[in-house]
């Protein structure tokens, strides 16, 4: 929020280094703002400054039309809802904090957390092909590293997305009474009776 919506950050947050059970903390909290401790406050401002001095990252952030914009649209007949961190005219960018933003480490994170799938969803929702991820490390020297999702990786994301949508549609058609995605049927009841597990009896 500090990087993308600084005015909103100033309205919603304040710094208080007192412990949460102290009167000072409770008095500050009563003023209606969310409180950050000194370390959290410093980290946020250090990241903001690091992005500001990074040529490409500052261009991606500063050149956008909208920030934290909500988008609701259907993909292949299924409703989706997303929030775009950075929405430019011909690009989308996502700001992610991390401990280690190096290429070797973030490549693994991108795959494990399926950021490429997120890129495909947002690309489908907006019609924009260029998807950037800006990583910001949360400790000194607060390295900033921009990444652009390749067209091949975006295609992989789209293929996975279409399979998920297909599976979801099939699930909706065949198992409308299934609850929460778990492998049981609720039947005519509106609740479950909770008992102690057999091993605890």
Protein backbone atom coordinates (compact mmCIF):
# COMPACT_ATOMS: atom_id res chain seq x y z
CA UNK A 1 0.00 0.00 0.00
CA UNK A 2 2.84 2.40 0.79
CA UNK A 3 4.40 1.80 -2.64
CA UNK A 4 1.20 1.82 -4.68
CA UNK A 5 -1.22 3.97 -2.66
CA UNK A 6 0.84 6.24 -0.41
CA UNK A 7 -2.00 8.60 0.48
CA UNK A 8 -4.17 5.69 1.55
CA UNK A 9 -1.28 4.28 3.60
CA UNK A 10 -0.87 7.57 5.47
CA UNK A 11 -4.59 7.61 6.30
CA UNK A 12 -4.75 4.00 7.47
CA UNK A 13 -1.40 3.30 9.18
CA UNK A 14 0.75 4.71 11.93
CA UNK A 15 3.89 3.58 13.72
CA UNK A 16 3.89 2.55 17.37
CA UNK A 17 6.78 0.69 18.92
CA UNK A 18 5.03 -0.03 22.23
CA UNK A 19 3.91 -3.56 23.08
CA UNK A 20 0.32 -4.46 22.31
CA UNK A 21 -0.73 -4.86 25.93
CA UNK A 22 0.42 -1.34 26.94
CA UNK A 23 -1.82 1.69 27.42
CA UNK A 24 0.19 3.67 24.88
CA UNK A 25 -0.51 1.06 22.21
CA UNK A 26 -4.22 0.96 23.11
CA UNK A 27 -4.41 4.77 23.01
CA UNK A 28 -2.79 4.84 19.56
CA UNK A 29 -5.08 2.07 18.34
CA UNK A 30 -8.12 4.02 19.55
CA UNK A 31 -7.24 6.77 17.06
CA UNK A 32 -8.55 4.48 14.35
CA UNK A 33 -5.36 3.59 12.51
CA UNK A 34 -3.67 0.23 12.01
CA UNK A 35 -0.34 0.14 13.83
CA UNK A 36 3.03 -1.08 12.63
CA UNK A 37 6.06 -1.55 14.85
CA UNK A 38 9.35 0.19 14.11
CA UNK A 39 10.74 -2.75 12.12
CA UNK A 40 7.64 -3.11 9.94
CA UNK A 41 7.49 0.66 9.36
CA UNK A 42 11.17 0.83 8.40
CA UNK A 43 10.93 -2.19 6.10
CA UNK A 44 7.98 -0.72 4.21
CA UNK A 45 9.75 2.62 3.70
CA UNK A 46 13.04 0.98 2.71
CA UNK A 47 11.23 -1.08 0.06
CA UNK A 48 9.48 2.04 -1.21
CA UNK A 49 12.81 3.88 -1.57
CA UNK A 50 14.50 0.87 -3.20
CA UNK A 51 11.76 0.69 -5.84
CA UNK A 52 11.95 4.43 -6.39
CA UNK A 53 15.65 4.28 -7.32
CA UNK A 54 15.36 1.14 -9.47
CA UNK A 55 14.98 2.37 -13.08
CA UNK A 56 12.70 -0.36 -14.44
CA UNK A 57 10.71 -1.00 -11.27
CA UNK A 58 10.00 2.70 -10.78
CA UNK A 59 8.97 2.96 -14.44
CA UNK A 60 6.55 0.04 -14.11
CA UNK A 61 5.04 1.43 -10.91
CA UNK A 62 5.00 5.09 -11.94
CA UNK A 63 3.75 4.48 -15.47
CA UNK A 64 0.58 2.63 -14.49
CA UNK A 65 -2.95 3.93 -14.92
CA UNK A 66 -4.48 2.21 -11.89
CA UNK A 67 -3.40 0.53 -8.67
CA UNK A 68 -5.14 -2.19 -6.65
CA UNK A 69 -7.92 -2.22 -9.24
CA UNK A 70 -10.66 -4.82 -8.99
CA UNK A 71 -11.69 -6.72 -12.09
CA UNK A 72 -14.69 -9.04 -12.38
CA UNK A 73 -15.21 -10.97 -15.59
CA UNK A 74 -16.01 -14.41 -16.92
CA UNK A 75 -13.46 -16.79 -18.41
CA UNK A 76 -15.09 -19.49 -20.51
CA UNK A 77 -18.40 -18.87 -18.74
CA UNK A 78 -16.99 -19.04 -15.20
CA UNK A 79 -16.93 -15.83 -13.08
CA UNK A 80 -13.55 -14.65 -11.82
CA UNK A 81 -12.58 -11.81 -9.52
CA UNK A 82 -9.10 -10.38 -9.12
CA UNK A 83 -7.20 -7.37 -7.81
CA UNK A 84 -4.41 -6.03 -10.00
CA UNK A 85 -1.56 -4.40 -8.10
CA UNK A 86 -0.31 -2.39 -11.06
CA UNK A 87 -2.47 -1.93 -14.17
CA UNK A 88 -0.78 -0.15 -17.06
CA UNK A 89 -2.11 0.55 -20.54
CA UNK A 90 -0.30 -2.43 -22.08
CA UNK A 91 1.10 -4.30 -19.07
CA UNK A 92 0.19 -5.72 -15.68
CA UNK A 93 2.63 -5.89 -12.78
CA UNK A 94 2.43 -7.62 -9.42
CA UNK A 95 4.47 -6.53 -6.41
CA UNK A 96 5.65 -9.39 -4.20
CA UNK A 97 7.74 -9.17 -1.04
CA UNK A 98 10.09 -12.05 -0.35
CA UNK A 99 13.16 -13.06 1.61
CA UNK A 100 15.16 -13.93 -1.49
CA UNK A 101 14.32 -12.47 -4.90
CA UNK A 102 17.32 -13.91 -6.77
CA UNK A 103 16.53 -15.55 -10.13
CA UNK A 104 17.35 -19.09 -9.00
CA UNK A 105 15.23 -18.81 -5.85
CA UNK A 106 12.32 -16.90 -7.36
CA UNK A 107 12.09 -19.25 -10.33
CA UNK A 108 11.34 -22.00 -7.80
CA UNK A 109 8.83 -19.83 -5.92
CA UNK A 110 7.06 -18.83 -9.12
CA UNK A 111 6.55 -22.48 -10.00
CA UNK A 112 5.63 -23.69 -6.50
CA UNK A 113 3.12 -20.89 -5.85
CA UNK A 114 1.87 -20.95 -9.46
CA UNK A 115 2.44 -17.26 -10.12
CA UNK A 116 2.44 -18.12 -13.82
CA UNK A 117 -1.17 -19.31 -13.38
CA UNK A 118 -2.04 -16.02 -11.72
CA UNK A 119 -0.45 -14.26 -14.70
CA UNK A 120 -2.61 -16.28 -17.10
CA UNK A 121 -5.79 -15.47 -15.17
CA UNK A 122 -5.08 -11.73 -15.14
CA UNK A 123 -4.07 -11.79 -18.78
CA UNK A 124 -7.36 -13.48 -19.67
CA UNK A 125 -9.33 -10.97 -17.60
CA UNK A 126 -7.69 -7.92 -19.14
CA UNK A 127 -6.58 -9.06 -22.59
CA UNK A 128 -3.08 -7.81 -21.75
CA UNK A 129 -0.19 -10.13 -22.63
CA UNK A 130 2.71 -8.55 -20.72
CA UNK A 131 2.80 -9.61 -17.06
CA UNK A 132 5.60 -8.44 -14.76
CA UNK A 133 6.45 -9.46 -11.23
CA UNK A 134 8.49 -7.06 -9.11
CA UNK A 135 10.13 -8.80 -6.16
CA UNK A 136 11.14 -6.74 -3.15
CA UNK A 137 13.34 -8.34 -0.50
CA UNK A 138 12.30 -7.59 3.07
CA UNK A 139 15.78 -7.21 4.52
CA UNK A 140 18.85 -5.11 3.71
CA UNK A 141 19.91 -4.27 1.08
CA UNK A 142 16.23 -4.59 -0.02
CA UNK A 143 17.04 -5.84 -3.51
CA UNK A 144 14.44 -5.16 -6.18
CA UNK A 145 14.22 -7.54 -9.15
CA UNK A 146 11.69 -7.26 -11.99
CA UNK A 147 10.68 -10.42 -13.88
CA UNK A 148 8.65 -10.71 -17.06
CA UNK A 149 6.63 -13.90 -17.55
CA UNK A 150 7.66 -15.46 -20.87
CA UNK A 151 5.07 -16.23 -23.54
CA UNK A 152 5.79 -19.96 -23.13
CA UNK A 153 5.24 -19.77 -19.36
CA UNK A 154 2.06 -17.76 -19.92
CA UNK A 155 0.85 -20.46 -22.32
CA UNK A 156 1.51 -23.12 -19.65
CA UNK A 157 -0.57 -21.06 -17.23
CA UNK A 158 -3.41 -20.77 -19.72
CA UNK A 159 -3.41 -24.51 -20.38
CA UNK A 160 -3.62 -25.22 -16.65
CA UNK A 161 -6.32 -22.59 -16.25
CA UNK A 162 -8.49 -24.14 -18.97
CA UNK A 163 -8.13 -27.59 -17.39
CA UNK A 164 -9.16 -26.20 -14.01
CA UNK A 165 -12.18 -24.47 -15.54
CA UNK A 166 -13.16 -27.68 -17.34
CA UNK A 167 -12.85 -29.70 -14.13
CA UNK A 168 -14.84 -27.09 -12.21
CA UNK A 169 -17.67 -27.14 -14.75
CA UNK A 170 -17.79 -30.94 -14.63
CA UNK A 171 -17.80 -30.87 -10.83
CA UNK A 172 -20.68 -28.37 -10.82
CA UNK A 173 -22.72 -30.47 -13.21
CA UNK A 174 -22.16 -33.83 -11.55
CA UNK A 175 -21.74 -33.04 -7.86
CA UNK A 176 -23.88 -30.03 -7.04
CA UNK A 177 -24.63 -31.33 -3.54
CA UNK A 178 -20.94 -31.81 -2.67
CA UNK A 179 -19.85 -29.44 0.09
CA UNK A 180 -16.62 -27.48 0.13
CA UNK A 181 -14.83 -29.73 -2.33
CA UNK A 182 -14.50 -32.59 0.16
CA UNK A 183 -15.24 -36.17 -0.78
CA UNK A 184 -18.52 -36.61 1.02
CA UNK A 185 -22.15 -35.75 0.44
CA UNK A 186 -24.25 -33.89 2.94
CA UNK A 187 -27.51 -35.41 1.75
CA UNK A 188 -30.71 -34.01 3.26
CA UNK A 189 -29.06 -32.72 6.44
CA UNK A 190 -27.85 -29.14 6.83
CA UNK A 191 -25.12 -29.93 9.32
CA UNK A 192 -22.75 -32.64 10.57
CA UNK A 193 -22.67 -34.02 14.10
CA UNK A 194 -19.12 -33.80 15.38
CA UNK A 195 -17.87 -36.68 17.52
CA UNK A 196 -14.47 -37.38 19.06
CA UNK A 197 -12.29 -39.40 16.68
CA UNK A 198 -12.15 -43.16 17.30
CA UNK A 199 -8.54 -43.03 18.44
CA UNK A 200 -9.47 -40.49 21.15
CA UNK A 201 -12.36 -42.49 22.65
